[in-house]
PDB file of N, CA and C in Angstrom:
ATOM      1  N   MET A   1       0.928  -1.304  -0.033  1.00  0.00           N
ATOM      2  CA  MET A   1      -0.070   0.131   0.001  1.00  0.00           C
ATOM      3  C   MET A   1       0.767   1.254  -0.014  1.00  0.00           C
ATOM      4  N   THR A   2       0.342   2.365  -0.697  1.00  0.00           N
ATOM      5  CA  THR A   2       1.167   3.389  -0.647  1.00  0.00           C
ATOM      6  C   THR A   2       0.702   4.329   0.637  1.00  0.00           C
ATOM      7  N   PRO A   3       1.380   5.114   1.018  1.00  0.00           N
ATOM      8  CA  PRO A   3       1.159   6.037   2.205  1.00  0.00           C
ATOM      9  C   PRO A   3      -0.246   6.755   2.141  1.00  0.00           C
ATOM     10  N   GLU A   4      -0.517   7.152   0.902  1.00  0.00           N
ATOM     11  CA  GLU A   4      -1.954   7.859   0.519  1.00  0.00           C
ATOM     12  C   GLU A   4      -3.094   6.752   0.835  1.00  0.00           C
ATOM     13  N   GLU A   5      -2.556   5.522   0.464  1.00  0.00           N
ATOM     14  CA  GLU A   5      -3.927   4.433   0.636  1.00  0.00           C
ATOM     15  C   GLU A   5      -3.965   4.236   1.990  1.00  0.00           C
ATOM     16  N   LEU A   6      -2.968   4.113   2.753  1.00  0.00           N
ATOM     17  CA  LEU A   6      -3.008   3.883   4.006  1.00  0.00           C
ATOM     18  C   LEU A   6      -3.659   5.076   5.012  1.00  0.00           C
ATOM     19  N   ARG A   7      -3.176   6.293   4.510  1.00  0.00           N
ATOM     20  CA  ARG A   7      -4.012   7.339   5.043  1.00  0.00           C
ATOM     21  C   ARG A   7      -5.455   7.191   4.850  1.00  0.00           C
ATOM     22  N   THR A   8      -5.896   7.048   3.810  1.00  0.00           N
ATOM     23  CA  THR A   8      -7.305   6.791   3.595  1.00  0.00           C
ATOM     24  C   THR A   8      -7.923   5.591   4.352  1.00  0.00           C
ATOM     25  N   LEU A   9      -7.271   4.438   4.369  1.00  0.00           N
ATOM     26  CA  LEU A   9      -7.741   3.566   5.086  1.00  0.00           C
ATOM     27  C   LEU A   9      -8.032   3.995   6.661  1.00  0.00           C
ATOM     28  N   THR A  10      -6.970   4.542   7.035  1.00  0.00           N
ATOM     29  CA  THR A  10      -7.236   5.045   8.568  1.00  0.00           C
ATOM     30  C   THR A  10      -8.255   6.062   8.640  1.00  0.00           C
ATOM     31  N   LEU A  11      -8.384   6.967   7.671  1.00  0.00           N
ATOM     32  CA  LEU A  11      -9.541   7.891   7.870  1.00  0.00           C
ATOM     33  C   LEU A  11     -10.889   7.194   8.036  1.00  0.00           C
ATOM     34  N   PHE A  12     -11.156   6.154   6.893  1.00  0.00           N
ATOM     35  CA  PHE A  12     -12.430   5.236   7.059  1.00  0.00           C
ATOM     36  C   PHE A  12     -12.595   4.706   8.138  1.00  0.00           C
ATOM     37  N   ASN A  13     -11.502   4.089   8.633  1.00  0.00           N
ATOM     38  CA  ASN A  13     -11.672   3.285  10.056  1.00  0.00           C
ATOM     39  C   ASN A  13     -11.837   4.193  11.320  1.00  0.00           C
ATOM     40  N   THR A  14     -11.479   5.273  11.075  1.00  0.00           N
ATOM     41  CA  THR A  14     -11.836   6.371  12.185  1.00  0.00           C
ATOM     42  C   THR A  14     -13.183   6.529  11.998  1.00  0.00           C
ATOM     43  N   VAL A  15     -13.802   6.846  10.840  1.00  0.00           N
ATOM     44  CA  VAL A  15     -15.338   6.947  10.863  1.00  0.00           C
ATOM     45  C   VAL A  15     -16.203   5.915  11.215  1.00  0.00           C
ATOM     46  N   GLU A  16     -15.724   4.738  10.790  1.00  0.00           N
ATOM     47  CA  GLU A  16     -16.585   3.438  11.173  1.00  0.00           C
ATOM     48  C   GLU A  16     -16.486   3.335  12.706  1.00  0.00           C
ATOM     49  N   ASN A  17     -15.359   3.879  13.207  1.00  0.00           N
ATOM     50  CA  ASN A  17     -15.376   3.442  14.885  1.00  0.00           C
ATOM     51  C   ASN A  17     -15.941   4.937  15.645  1.00  0.00           C
ATOM     52  N   SER A  18     -16.319   5.955  14.778  1.00  0.00           N
ATOM     53  CA  SER A  18     -16.773   7.161  15.573  1.00  0.00           C
ATOM     54  C   SER A  18     -18.060   7.705  14.619  1.00  0.00           C
ATOM     55  N   PRO A  19     -19.071   6.976  14.671  1.00  0.00           N
ATOM     56  CA  PRO A  19     -20.058   7.536  13.650  1.00  0.00           C
ATOM     57  C   PRO A  19     -20.560   8.974  13.793  1.00  0.00           C
ATOM     58  N   GLU A  20     -20.176   9.668  14.906  1.00  0.00           N
ATOM     59  CA  GLU A  20     -20.601  11.063  15.122  1.00  0.00           C
ATOM     60  C   GLU A  20     -19.638  11.887  14.187  1.00  0.00           C
ATOM     61  N   ILE A  21     -18.506  11.578  13.712  1.00  0.00           N
ATOM     62  CA  ILE A  21     -17.914  12.142  12.703  1.00  0.00           C
ATOM     63  C   ILE A  21     -18.541  12.505  11.577  1.00  0.00           C
ATOM     64  N   ASN A  22     -18.495  13.848  11.181  1.00  0.00           N
ATOM     65  CA  ASN A  22     -19.395  14.326   9.834  1.00  0.00           C
ATOM     66  C   ASN A  22     -18.893  13.527   8.637  1.00  0.00           C
ATOM     67  N   GLN A  23     -19.663  13.260   7.751  1.00  0.00           N
ATOM     68  CA  GLN A  23     -19.139  12.738   6.390  1.00  0.00           C
ATOM     69  C   GLN A  23     -18.476  13.664   5.593  1.00  0.00           C
ATOM     70  N   ARG A  24     -19.093  15.091   5.821  1.00  0.00           N
ATOM     71  CA  ARG A  24     -18.467  16.227   4.999  1.00  0.00           C
ATOM     72  C   ARG A  24     -17.079  16.422   5.449  1.00  0.00           C
ATOM     73  N   GLN A  25     -16.845  16.395   6.841  1.00  0.00           N
ATOM     74  CA  GLN A  25     -15.738  16.397   7.209  1.00  0.00           C
ATOM     75  C   GLN A  25     -14.624  15.528   6.823  1.00  0.00           C
ATOM     76  N   LEU A  26     -15.074  14.197   6.646  1.00  0.00           N
ATOM     77  CA  LEU A  26     -14.322  13.251   6.236  1.00  0.00           C
ATOM     78  C   LEU A  26     -14.069  13.438   4.535  1.00  0.00           C
ATOM     79  N   ALA A  27     -15.006  13.919   3.910  1.00  0.00           N
ATOM     80  CA  ALA A  27     -14.713  14.387   2.633  1.00  0.00           C
ATOM     81  C   ALA A  27     -13.679  15.543   2.381  1.00  0.00           C
ATOM     82  N   GLN A  28     -13.670  16.186   3.365  1.00  0.00           N
ATOM     83  CA  GLN A  28     -12.665  17.319   3.163  1.00  0.00           C
ATOM     84  C   GLN A  28     -11.466  16.716   3.620  1.00  0.00           C
ATOM     85  N   GLU A  29     -11.448  15.880   4.355  1.00  0.00           N
ATOM     86  CA  GLU A  29     -10.131  15.175   4.484  1.00  0.00           C
ATOM     87  C   GLU A  29      -9.485  14.460   3.338  1.00  0.00           C
ATOM     88  N   LEU A  30     -10.436  13.979   2.699  1.00  0.00           N
ATOM     89  CA  LEU A  30     -10.130  13.246   1.364  1.00  0.00           C
ATOM     90  C   LEU A  30     -10.085  14.203   0.168  1.00  0.00           C
ATOM     91  N   ASP A  31     -10.045  15.523   0.455  1.00  0.00           N
ATOM     92  CA  ASP A  31     -10.318  16.355  -0.788  1.00  0.00           C
ATOM     93  C   ASP A  31     -11.519  15.932  -1.867  1.00  0.00           C
ATOM     94  N   VAL A  32     -12.489  15.604  -1.291  1.00  0.00           N
ATOM     95  CA  VAL A  32     -13.632  15.255  -2.155  1.00  0.00           C
ATOM     96  C   VAL A  32     -14.690  16.026  -2.116  1.00  0.00           C
ATOM     97  N   SER A  33     -15.459  16.314  -3.177  1.00  0.00           N
ATOM     98  CA  SER A  33     -16.507  17.109  -2.919  1.00  0.00           C
ATOM     99  C   SER A  33     -17.815  16.321  -2.919  1.00  0.00           C
ATOM    100  N   LEU A  34     -18.772  16.640  -2.059  1.00  0.00           N
ATOM    101  CA  LEU A  34     -19.870  15.699  -1.928  1.00  0.00           C
ATOM    102  C   LEU A  34     -21.117  16.154  -2.889  1.00  0.00           C
TER     103      LEU A  34
END
């Protein structure tokens, strides 16, 4: 895995474990527009 893939996986795991995290916040982390 590349560092970027690991970073993305970590972010998704964080959201899985913390449902209160806003999806829009995650999108900003991933530089993706909803």
